[in-house]
Amino acid sequence: MELEEIIGIVAGVLTTFAVLPQIIKAVRTRAVKDVSPYMFIILCCGVGLWTVYGIFKMDWPIIVTNGVSFILNAVMLYIVVGSSKKQQKEKC
């Protein structure tokens, strides 16, 4: 394995799992009112497109890290949107 491939894999893993602390905090505290859903929408679009790009190039590190990143960011988006819908119902 070449150095550039190792660097790419490590970079992909770090950026993929960077959202985990936010997801854990959101699940524990249920406090996501200051989290922007638009950021996660844009991020999901970006990593989704990176996944498609990886598929076109048949580059497994890009496919796997961005595919997992898409799933994790979609989970966070679901938490944010679900929480704001729940807060709106409680106000009524």
PDB file of N, CA and C in Angstrom:
ATOM      1  N   MET A   1       0.859  -1.178   0.000  1.00  0.00           N
ATOM      2  CA  MET A   1       0.000   0.000   0.000  1.00  0.00           C
ATOM      3  C   MET A   1       0.901   1.236   0.000  1.00  0.00           C
ATOM      4  N   GLU A   2       0.613   2.171  -0.898  1.00  0.00           N
ATOM      5  CA  GLU A   2       1.421   3.376  -1.016  1.00  0.00           C
ATOM      6  C   GLU A   2       0.990   4.422   0.006  1.00  0.00           C
ATOM      7  N   LEU A   3       1.919   5.342   0.277  1.00  0.00           N
ATOM      8  CA  LEU A   3       1.670   6.387   1.275  1.00  0.00           C
ATOM      9  C   LEU A   3       0.440   7.220   0.928  1.00  0.00           C
ATOM     10  N   GLU A   4       0.262   7.570  -0.341  1.00  0.00           N
ATOM     11  CA  GLU A   4      -0.892   8.401  -0.708  1.00  0.00           C
ATOM     12  C   GLU A   4      -2.200   7.664  -0.467  1.00  0.00           C
ATOM     13  N   GLU A   5      -2.218   6.352  -0.648  1.00  0.00           N
ATOM     14  CA  GLU A   5      -3.429   5.580  -0.382  1.00  0.00           C
ATOM     15  C   GLU A   5      -3.715   5.519   1.117  1.00  0.00           C
ATOM     16  N   ILE A   6      -2.680   5.371   1.910  1.00  0.00           N
ATOM     17  CA  ILE A   6      -2.843   5.350   3.369  1.00  0.00           C
ATOM     18  C   ILE A   6      -3.382   6.699   3.854  1.00  0.00           C
ATOM     19  N   ILE A   7      -2.808   7.779   3.335  1.00  0.00           N
ATOM     20  CA  ILE A   7      -3.273   9.119   3.717  1.00  0.00           C
ATOM     21  C   ILE A   7      -4.737   9.297   3.324  1.00  0.00           C
ATOM     22  N   GLY A   8      -5.110   8.851   2.138  1.00  0.00           N
ATOM     23  CA  GLY A   8      -6.499   8.958   1.688  1.00  0.00           C
ATOM     24  C   GLY A   8      -7.460   8.182   2.561  1.00  0.00           C
ATOM     25  N   ILE A   9      -7.064   6.981   2.943  1.00  0.00           N
ATOM     26  CA  ILE A   9      -7.925   6.159   3.803  1.00  0.00           C
ATOM     27  C   ILE A   9      -8.074   6.785   5.183  1.00  0.00           C
ATOM     28  N   VAL A  10      -6.967   7.232   5.764  1.00  0.00           N
ATOM     29  CA  VAL A  10      -7.029   7.858   7.092  1.00  0.00           C
ATOM     30  C   VAL A  10      -7.877   9.125   7.038  1.00  0.00           C
ATOM     31  N   ALA A  11      -7.699   9.945   6.001  1.00  0.00           N
ATOM     32  CA  ALA A  11      -8.500  11.165   5.854  1.00  0.00           C
ATOM     33  C   ALA A  11      -9.981  10.820   5.726  1.00  0.00           C
ATOM     34  N   GLY A  12     -10.294   9.813   4.938  1.00  0.00           N
ATOM     35  CA  GLY A  12     -11.686   9.400   4.773  1.00  0.00           C
ATOM     36  C   GLY A  12     -12.303   8.909   6.070  1.00  0.00           C
ATOM     37  N   VAL A  13     -11.553   8.124   6.823  1.00  0.00           N
ATOM     38  CA  VAL A  13     -12.062   7.597   8.095  1.00  0.00           C
ATOM     39  C   VAL A  13     -12.296   8.736   9.090  1.00  0.00           C
ATOM     40  N   LEU A  14     -11.337   9.661   9.177  1.00  0.00           N
ATOM     41  CA  LEU A  14     -11.491  10.773  10.122  1.00  0.00           C
ATOM     42  C   LEU A  14     -12.686  11.649   9.772  1.00  0.00           C
ATOM     43  N   THR A  15     -12.842  12.001   8.497  1.00  0.00           N
ATOM     44  CA  THR A  15     -13.975  12.858   8.129  1.00  0.00           C
ATOM     45  C   THR A  15     -15.302  12.114   8.218  1.00  0.00           C
ATOM     46  N   THR A  16     -15.274  10.807   7.995  1.00  0.00           N
ATOM     47  CA  THR A  16     -16.492  10.015   8.101  1.00  0.00           C
ATOM     48  C   THR A  16     -17.018   9.986   9.532  1.00  0.00           C
ATOM     49  N   PHE A  17     -16.125   9.768  10.474  1.00  0.00           N
ATOM     50  CA  PHE A  17     -16.556   9.606  11.859  1.00  0.00           C
ATOM     51  C   PHE A  17     -16.543  10.904  12.660  1.00  0.00           C
ATOM     52  N   ALA A  18     -16.252  12.032  12.014  1.00  0.00           N
ATOM     53  CA  ALA A  18     -16.249  13.318  12.711  1.00  0.00           C
ATOM     54  C   ALA A  18     -17.628  13.694  13.242  1.00  0.00           C
ATOM     55  N   VAL A  19     -18.680  13.190  12.625  1.00  0.00           N
ATOM     56  CA  VAL A  19     -20.041  13.537  13.034  1.00  0.00           C
ATOM     57  C   VAL A  19     -20.512  12.700  14.239  1.00  0.00           C
ATOM     58  N   LEU A  20     -19.814  11.636  14.560  1.00  0.00           N
ATOM     59  CA  LEU A  20     -20.254  10.766  15.664  1.00  0.00           C
ATOM     60  C   LEU A  20     -20.421  11.484  17.002  1.00  0.00           C
ATOM     61  N   PRO A  21     -19.485  12.351  17.423  1.00  0.00           N
ATOM     62  CA  PRO A  21     -19.718  13.050  18.695  1.00  0.00           C
ATOM     63  C   PRO A  21     -21.010  13.876  18.694  1.00  0.00           C
ATOM     64  N   GLN A  22     -21.345  14.486  17.556  1.00  0.00           N
ATOM     65  CA  GLN A  22     -22.575  15.275  17.462  1.00  0.00           C
ATOM     66  C   GLN A  22     -23.809  14.381  17.559  1.00  0.00           C
ATOM     67  N   ILE A  23     -23.762  13.241  16.898  1.00  0.00           N
ATOM     68  CA  ILE A  23     -24.885  12.296  16.961  1.00  0.00           C
ATOM     69  C   ILE A  23     -25.063  11.791  18.384  1.00  0.00           C
ATOM     70  N   ILE A  24     -23.983  11.407  19.032  1.00  0.00           N
ATOM     71  CA  ILE A  24     -24.056  10.900  20.413  1.00  0.00           C
ATOM     72  C   ILE A  24     -24.625  11.966  21.343  1.00  0.00           C
ATOM     73  N   LYS A  25     -24.138  13.200  21.205  1.00  0.00           N
ATOM     74  CA  LYS A  25     -24.644  14.287  22.051  1.00  0.00           C
ATOM     75  C   LYS A  25     -26.120  14.546  21.794  1.00  0.00           C
ATOM     76  N   ALA A  26     -26.523  14.533  20.528  1.00  0.00           N
ATOM     77  CA  ALA A  26     -27.931  14.786  20.182  1.00  0.00           C
ATOM     78  C   ALA A  26     -28.834  13.697  20.746  1.00  0.00           C
ATOM     79  N   VAL A  27     -28.390  12.454  20.695  1.00  0.00           N
ATOM     80  CA  VAL A  27     -29.195  11.352  21.215  1.00  0.00           C
ATOM     81  C   VAL A  27     -29.291  11.435  22.733  1.00  0.00           C
ATOM     82  N   ARG A  28     -28.190  11.759  23.387  1.00  0.00           N
ATOM     83  CA  ARG A  28     -28.187  11.820  24.860  1.00  0.00           C
ATOM     84  C   ARG A  28     -28.988  13.005  25.405  1.00  0.00           C
ATOM     85  N   THR A  29     -28.812  14.175  24.782  1.00  0.00           N
ATOM     86  CA  THR A  29     -29.412  15.384  25.345  1.00  0.00           C
ATOM     87  C   THR A  29     -30.736  15.767  24.701  1.00  0.00           C
ATOM     88  N   ARG A  30     -30.992  15.263  23.503  1.00  0.00           N
ATOM     89  CA  ARG A  30     -32.182  15.637  22.721  1.00  0.00           C
ATOM     90  C   ARG A  30     -32.227  17.143  22.453  1.00  0.00           C
ATOM     91  N   ALA A  31     -31.075  17.804  22.549  1.00  0.00           N
ATOM     92  CA  ALA A  31     -30.998  19.252  22.324  1.00  0.00           C
ATOM     93  C   ALA A  31     -30.306  19.508  20.990  1.00  0.00           C
ATOM     94  N   VAL A  32     -31.110  19.789  19.970  1.00  0.00           N
ATOM     95  CA  VAL A  32     -30.551  20.037  18.642  1.00  0.00           C
ATOM     96  C   VAL A  32     -31.116  21.313  18.014  1.00  0.00           C
ATOM     97  N   LYS A  33     -31.707  22.170  18.830  1.00  0.00           N
ATOM     98  CA  LYS A  33     -32.358  23.359  18.282  1.00  0.00           C
ATOM     99  C   LYS A  33     -31.374  24.296  17.588  1.00  0.00           C
ATOM    100  N   ASP A  34     -30.111  24.280  17.958  1.00  0.00           N
ATOM    101  CA  ASP A  34     -29.120  25.160  17.340  1.00  0.00           C
ATOM    102  C   ASP A  34     -28.359  24.494  16.199  1.00  0.00           C
ATOM    103  N   VAL A  35     -28.715  23.261  15.873  1.00  0.00           N
ATOM    104  CA  VAL A  35     -28.054  22.549  14.778  1.00  0.00           C
ATOM    105  C   VAL A  35     -28.813  22.837  13.488  1.00  0.00           C
ATOM    106  N   SER A  36     -28.087  23.269  12.474  1.00  0.00           N
ATOM    107  CA  SER A  36     -28.716  23.620  11.200  1.00  0.00           C
ATOM    108  C   SER A  36     -28.994  22.373  10.359  1.00  0.00           C
ATOM    109  N   PRO A  37     -30.268  22.131  10.023  1.00  0.00           N
ATOM    110  CA  PRO A  37     -30.561  20.997   9.146  1.00  0.00           C
ATOM    111  C   PRO A  37     -30.020  21.225   7.733  1.00  0.00           C
ATOM    112  N   TYR A  38     -29.918  22.498   7.333  1.00  0.00           N
ATOM    113  CA  TYR A  38     -29.428  22.800   5.984  1.00  0.00           C
ATOM    114  C   TYR A  38     -27.981  22.355   5.802  1.00  0.00           C
ATOM    115  N   MET A  39     -27.172  22.491   6.851  1.00  0.00           N
ATOM    116  CA  MET A  39     -25.797  22.028   6.762  1.00  0.00           C
ATOM    117  C   MET A  39     -25.753  20.528   6.486  1.00  0.00           C
ATOM    118  N   PHE A  40     -26.596  19.770   7.164  1.00  0.00           N
ATOM    119  CA  PHE A  40     -26.595  18.319   6.967  1.00  0.00           C
ATOM    120  C   PHE A  40     -27.211  17.928   5.626  1.00  0.00           C
ATOM    121  N   ILE A  41     -28.150  18.710   5.111  1.00  0.00           N
ATOM    122  CA  ILE A  41     -28.683  18.458   3.769  1.00  0.00           C
ATOM    123  C   ILE A  41     -27.576  18.631   2.737  1.00  0.00           C
ATOM    124  N   ILE A  42     -26.850  19.751   2.840  1.00  0.00           N
ATOM    125  CA  ILE A  42     -25.759  20.016   1.902  1.00  0.00           C
ATOM    126  C   ILE A  42     -24.662  18.971   2.041  1.00  0.00           C
ATOM    127  N   LEU A  43     -24.334  18.621   3.271  1.00  0.00           N
ATOM    128  CA  LEU A  43     -23.298  17.612   3.515  1.00  0.00           C
ATOM    129  C   LEU A  43     -23.702  16.259   2.954  1.00  0.00           C
ATOM    130  N   CYS A  44     -24.953  15.874   3.118  1.00  0.00           N
ATOM    131  CA  CYS A  44     -25.432  14.607   2.547  1.00  0.00           C
ATOM    132  C   CYS A  44     -25.342  14.622   1.024  1.00  0.00           C
ATOM    133  N   CYS A  45     -25.701  15.746   0.429  1.00  0.00           N
ATOM    134  CA  CYS A  45     -25.578  15.859  -1.034  1.00  0.00           C
ATOM    135  C   CYS A  45     -24.122  15.716  -1.458  1.00  0.00           C
ATOM    136  N   GLY A  46     -23.236  16.376  -0.747  1.00  0.00           N
ATOM    137  CA  GLY A  46     -21.811  16.318  -1.077  1.00  0.00           C
ATOM    138  C   GLY A  46     -21.230  14.923  -0.956  1.00  0.00           C
ATOM    139  N   VAL A  47     -21.450  14.271   0.179  1.00  0.00           N
ATOM    140  CA  VAL A  47     -20.874  12.927   0.346  1.00  0.00           C
ATOM    141  C   VAL A  47     -21.594  11.901  -0.521  1.00  0.00           C
ATOM    142  N   GLY A  48     -22.870  12.163  -0.824  1.00  0.00           N
ATOM    143  CA  GLY A  48     -23.575  11.295  -1.766  1.00  0.00           C
ATOM    144  C   GLY A  48     -22.949  11.369  -3.150  1.00  0.00           C
ATOM    145  N   LEU A  49     -22.633  12.589  -3.580  1.00  0.00           N
ATOM    146  CA  LEU A  49     -21.980  12.755  -4.875  1.00  0.00           C
ATOM    147  C   LEU A  49     -20.565  12.172  -4.877  1.00  0.00           C
ATOM    148  N   TRP A  50     -19.851  12.300  -3.763  1.00  0.00           N
ATOM    149  CA  TRP A  50     -18.530  11.670  -3.657  1.00  0.00           C
ATOM    150  C   TRP A  50     -18.653  10.154  -3.772  1.00  0.00           C
ATOM    151  N   THR A  51     -19.695   9.591  -3.194  1.00  0.00           N
ATOM    152  CA  THR A  51     -19.912   8.146  -3.301  1.00  0.00           C
ATOM    153  C   THR A  51     -20.139   7.748  -4.751  1.00  0.00           C
ATOM    154  N   VAL A  52     -20.958   8.504  -5.457  1.00  0.00           N
ATOM    155  CA  VAL A  52     -21.203   8.227  -6.877  1.00  0.00           C
ATOM    156  C   VAL A  52     -19.902   8.363  -7.668  1.00  0.00           C
ATOM    157  N   TYR A  53     -19.134   9.392  -7.379  1.00  0.00           N
ATOM    158  CA  TYR A  53     -17.841   9.590  -8.032  1.00  0.00           C
ATOM    159  C   TYR A  53     -16.939   8.378  -7.792  1.00  0.00           C
ATOM    160  N   GLY A  54     -16.899   7.911  -6.551  1.00  0.00           N
ATOM    161  CA  GLY A  54     -16.093   6.730  -6.223  1.00  0.00           C
ATOM    162  C   GLY A  54     -16.548   5.502  -6.988  1.00  0.00           C
ATOM    163  N   ILE A  55     -17.863   5.366  -7.177  1.00  0.00           N
ATOM    164  CA  ILE A  55     -18.396   4.239  -7.945  1.00  0.00           C
ATOM    165  C   ILE A  55     -17.931   4.337  -9.401  1.00  0.00           C
ATOM    166  N   PHE A  56     -18.010   5.535  -9.979  1.00  0.00           N
ATOM    167  CA  PHE A  56     -17.545   5.715 -11.356  1.00  0.00           C
ATOM    168  C   PHE A  56     -16.065   5.365 -11.495  1.00  0.00           C
ATOM    169  N   LYS A  57     -15.279   5.732 -10.500  1.00  0.00           N
ATOM    170  CA  LYS A  57     -13.832   5.488 -10.528  1.00  0.00           C
ATOM    171  C   LYS A  57     -13.457   4.107  -9.987  1.00  0.00           C
ATOM    172  N   MET A  58     -14.439   3.395  -9.428  1.00  0.00           N
ATOM    173  CA  MET A  58     -14.198   2.114  -8.760  1.00  0.00           C
ATOM    174  C   MET A  58     -13.101   2.240  -7.690  1.00  0.00           C
ATOM    175  N   ASP A  59     -13.220   3.289  -6.902  1.00  0.00           N
ATOM    176  CA  ASP A  59     -12.260   3.589  -5.836  1.00  0.00           C
ATOM    177  C   ASP A  59     -12.924   3.255  -4.503  1.00  0.00           C
ATOM    178  N   TRP A  60     -12.604   2.083  -3.967  1.00  0.00           N
ATOM    179  CA  TRP A  60     -13.292   1.579  -2.776  1.00  0.00           C
ATOM    180  C   TRP A  60     -13.134   2.452  -1.539  1.00  0.00           C
ATOM    181  N   PRO A  61     -11.955   3.030  -1.272  1.00  0.00           N
ATOM    182  CA  PRO A  61     -11.888   3.919  -0.098  1.00  0.00           C
ATOM    183  C   PRO A  61     -12.858   5.101  -0.203  1.00  0.00           C
ATOM    184  N   ILE A  62     -13.012   5.672  -1.389  1.00  0.00           N
ATOM    185  CA  ILE A  62     -13.954   6.784  -1.570  1.00  0.00           C
ATOM    186  C   ILE A  62     -15.388   6.287  -1.421  1.00  0.00           C
ATOM    187  N   ILE A  63     -15.680   5.147  -2.004  1.00  0.00           N
ATOM    188  CA  ILE A  63     -17.043   4.600  -1.934  1.00  0.00           C
ATOM    189  C   ILE A  63     -17.436   4.306  -0.489  1.00  0.00           C
ATOM    190  N   VAL A  64     -16.580   3.594   0.215  1.00  0.00           N
ATOM    191  CA  VAL A  64     -16.915   3.149   1.577  1.00  0.00           C
ATOM    192  C   VAL A  64     -16.982   4.320   2.546  1.00  0.00           C
ATOM    193  N   THR A  65     -15.948   5.165   2.571  1.00  0.00           N
ATOM    194  CA  THR A  65     -15.945   6.244   3.569  1.00  0.00           C
ATOM    195  C   THR A  65     -17.066   7.239   3.323  1.00  0.00           C
ATOM    196  N   ASN A  66     -17.325   7.581   2.070  1.00  0.00           N
ATOM    197  CA  ASN A  66     -18.394   8.533   1.792  1.00  0.00           C
ATOM    198  C   ASN A  66     -19.773   7.895   1.913  1.00  0.00           C
ATOM    199  N   GLY A  67     -19.884   6.615   1.624  1.00  0.00           N
ATOM    200  CA  GLY A  67     -21.149   5.915   1.829  1.00  0.00           C
ATOM    201  C   GLY A  67     -21.528   5.878   3.299  1.00  0.00           C
ATOM    202  N   VAL A  68     -20.555   5.541   4.145  1.00  0.00           N
ATOM    203  CA  VAL A  68     -20.807   5.525   5.592  1.00  0.00           C
ATOM    204  C   VAL A  68     -21.074   6.941   6.090  1.00  0.00           C
ATOM    205  N   SER A  69     -20.314   7.902   5.585  1.00  0.00           N
ATOM    206  CA  SER A  69     -20.524   9.299   5.969  1.00  0.00           C
ATOM    207  C   SER A  69     -21.929   9.765   5.601  1.00  0.00           C
ATOM    208  N   PHE A  70     -22.406   9.371   4.426  1.00  0.00           N
ATOM    209  CA  PHE A  70     -23.764   9.722   4.017  1.00  0.00           C
ATOM    210  C   PHE A  70     -24.776   9.174   5.022  1.00  0.00           C
ATOM    211  N   ILE A  71     -24.611   7.929   5.412  1.00  0.00           N
ATOM    212  CA  ILE A  71     -25.547   7.304   6.355  1.00  0.00           C
ATOM    213  C   ILE A  71     -25.515   8.026   7.699  1.00  0.00           C
ATOM    214  N   LEU A  72     -24.323   8.297   8.223  1.00  0.00           N
ATOM    215  CA  LEU A  72     -24.218   8.960   9.526  1.00  0.00           C
ATOM    216  C   LEU A  72     -24.804  10.367   9.483  1.00  0.00           C
ATOM    217  N   ASN A  73     -24.519  11.110   8.426  1.00  0.00           N
ATOM    218  CA  ASN A  73     -25.059  12.464   8.319  1.00  0.00           C
ATOM    219  C   ASN A  73     -26.564  12.450   8.098  1.00  0.00           C
ATOM    220  N   ALA A  74     -27.072  11.442   7.398  1.00  0.00           N
ATOM    221  CA  ALA A  74     -28.524  11.309   7.224  1.00  0.00           C
ATOM    222  C   ALA A  74     -29.190  10.993   8.565  1.00  0.00           C
ATOM    223  N   VAL A  75     -28.536  10.194   9.394  1.00  0.00           N
ATOM    224  CA  VAL A  75     -29.065   9.905  10.737  1.00  0.00           C
ATOM    225  C   VAL A  75     -29.150  11.195  11.544  1.00  0.00           C
ATOM    226  N   MET A  76     -28.096  12.004  11.489  1.00  0.00           N
ATOM    227  CA  MET A  76     -28.109  13.269  12.228  1.00  0.00           C
ATOM    228  C   MET A  76     -29.185  14.194  11.688  1.00  0.00           C
ATOM    229  N   LEU A  77     -29.359  14.237  10.389  1.00  0.00           N
ATOM    230  CA  LEU A  77     -30.420  15.051   9.785  1.00  0.00           C
ATOM    231  C   LEU A  77     -31.790  14.574  10.254  1.00  0.00           C
ATOM    232  N   TYR A  78     -31.981  13.278  10.320  1.00  0.00           N
ATOM    233  CA  TYR A  78     -33.241  12.702  10.803  1.00  0.00           C
ATOM    234  C   TYR A  78     -33.498  13.127  12.257  1.00  0.00           C
ATOM    235  N   ILE A  79     -32.458  13.099  13.068  1.00  0.00           N
ATOM    236  CA  ILE A  79     -32.595  13.501  14.477  1.00  0.00           C
ATOM    237  C   ILE A  79     -32.987  14.973  14.561  1.00  0.00           C
ATOM    238  N   VAL A  80     -32.319  15.817  13.785  1.00  0.00           N
ATOM    239  CA  VAL A  80     -32.590  17.259  13.821  1.00  0.00           C
ATOM    240  C   VAL A  80     -34.010  17.558  13.346  1.00  0.00           C
ATOM    241  N   VAL A  81     -34.401  16.991  12.214  1.00  0.00           N
ATOM    242  CA  VAL A  81     -35.740  17.250  11.671  1.00  0.00           C
ATOM    243  C   VAL A  81     -36.805  16.660  12.586  1.00  0.00           C
ATOM    244  N   GLY A  82     -36.590  15.453  13.074  1.00  0.00           N
ATOM    245  CA  GLY A  82     -37.552  14.827  13.985  1.00  0.00           C
ATOM    246  C   GLY A  82     -37.712  15.605  15.269  1.00  0.00           C
ATOM    247  N   SER A  83     -36.617  16.133  15.781  1.00  0.00           N
ATOM    248  CA  SER A  83     -36.672  16.906  17.016  1.00  0.00           C
ATOM    249  C   SER A  83     -37.418  18.222  16.821  1.00  0.00           C
ATOM    250  N   SER A  84     -37.193  18.882  15.680  1.00  0.00           N
ATOM    251  CA  SER A  84     -37.885  20.152  15.472  1.00  0.00           C
ATOM    252  C   SER A  84     -39.373  19.947  15.232  1.00  0.00           C
ATOM    253  N   LYS A  85     -39.752  18.844  14.602  1.00  0.00           N
ATOM    254  CA  LYS A  85     -41.188  18.533  14.425  1.00  0.00           C
ATOM    255  C   LYS A  85     -41.826  18.257  15.770  1.00  0.00           C
ATOM    256  N   LYS A  86     -41.114  17.554  16.630  1.00  0.00           N
ATOM    257  CA  LYS A  86     -41.625  17.239  17.965  1.00  0.00           C
ATOM    258  C   LYS A  86     -41.795  18.525  18.787  1.00  0.00           C
ATOM    259  N   GLN A  87     -40.836  19.454  18.681  1.00  0.00           N
ATOM    260  CA  GLN A  87     -40.932  20.712  19.414  1.00  0.00           C
ATOM    261  C   GLN A  87     -42.096  21.547  18.922  1.00  0.00           C
ATOM    262  N   GLN A  88     -42.365  21.520  17.620  1.00  0.00           N
ATOM    263  CA  GLN A  88     -43.495  22.276  17.066  1.00  0.00           C
ATOM    264  C   GLN A  88     -44.819  21.708  17.564  1.00  0.00           C
ATOM    265  N   LYS A  89     -44.925  20.384  17.667  1.00  0.00           N
ATOM    266  CA  LYS A  89     -46.154  19.776  18.179  1.00  0.00           C
ATOM    267  C   LYS A  89     -46.379  20.133  19.641  1.00  0.00           C
ATOM    268  N   GLU A  90     -45.300  20.214  20.413  1.00  0.00           N
ATOM    269  CA  GLU A  90     -45.415  20.519  21.833  1.00  0.00           C
ATOM    270  C   GLU A  90     -45.869  21.965  22.065  1.00  0.00           C
ATOM    271  N   LYS A  91     -45.565  22.854  21.115  1.00  0.00           N
ATOM    272  CA  LYS A  91     -45.966  24.257  21.235  1.00  0.00           C
ATOM    273  C   LYS A  91     -47.459  24.436  21.008  1.00  0.00           C
ATOM    274  N   CYS A  92     -48.056  23.534  20.241  1.00  0.00           N
ATOM    275  CA  CYS A  92     -49.480  23.661  19.893  1.00  0.00           C
ATOM    276  C   CYS A  92     -50.385  23.299  21.024  1.00  0.00           C
TER     277      CYS A  92
END
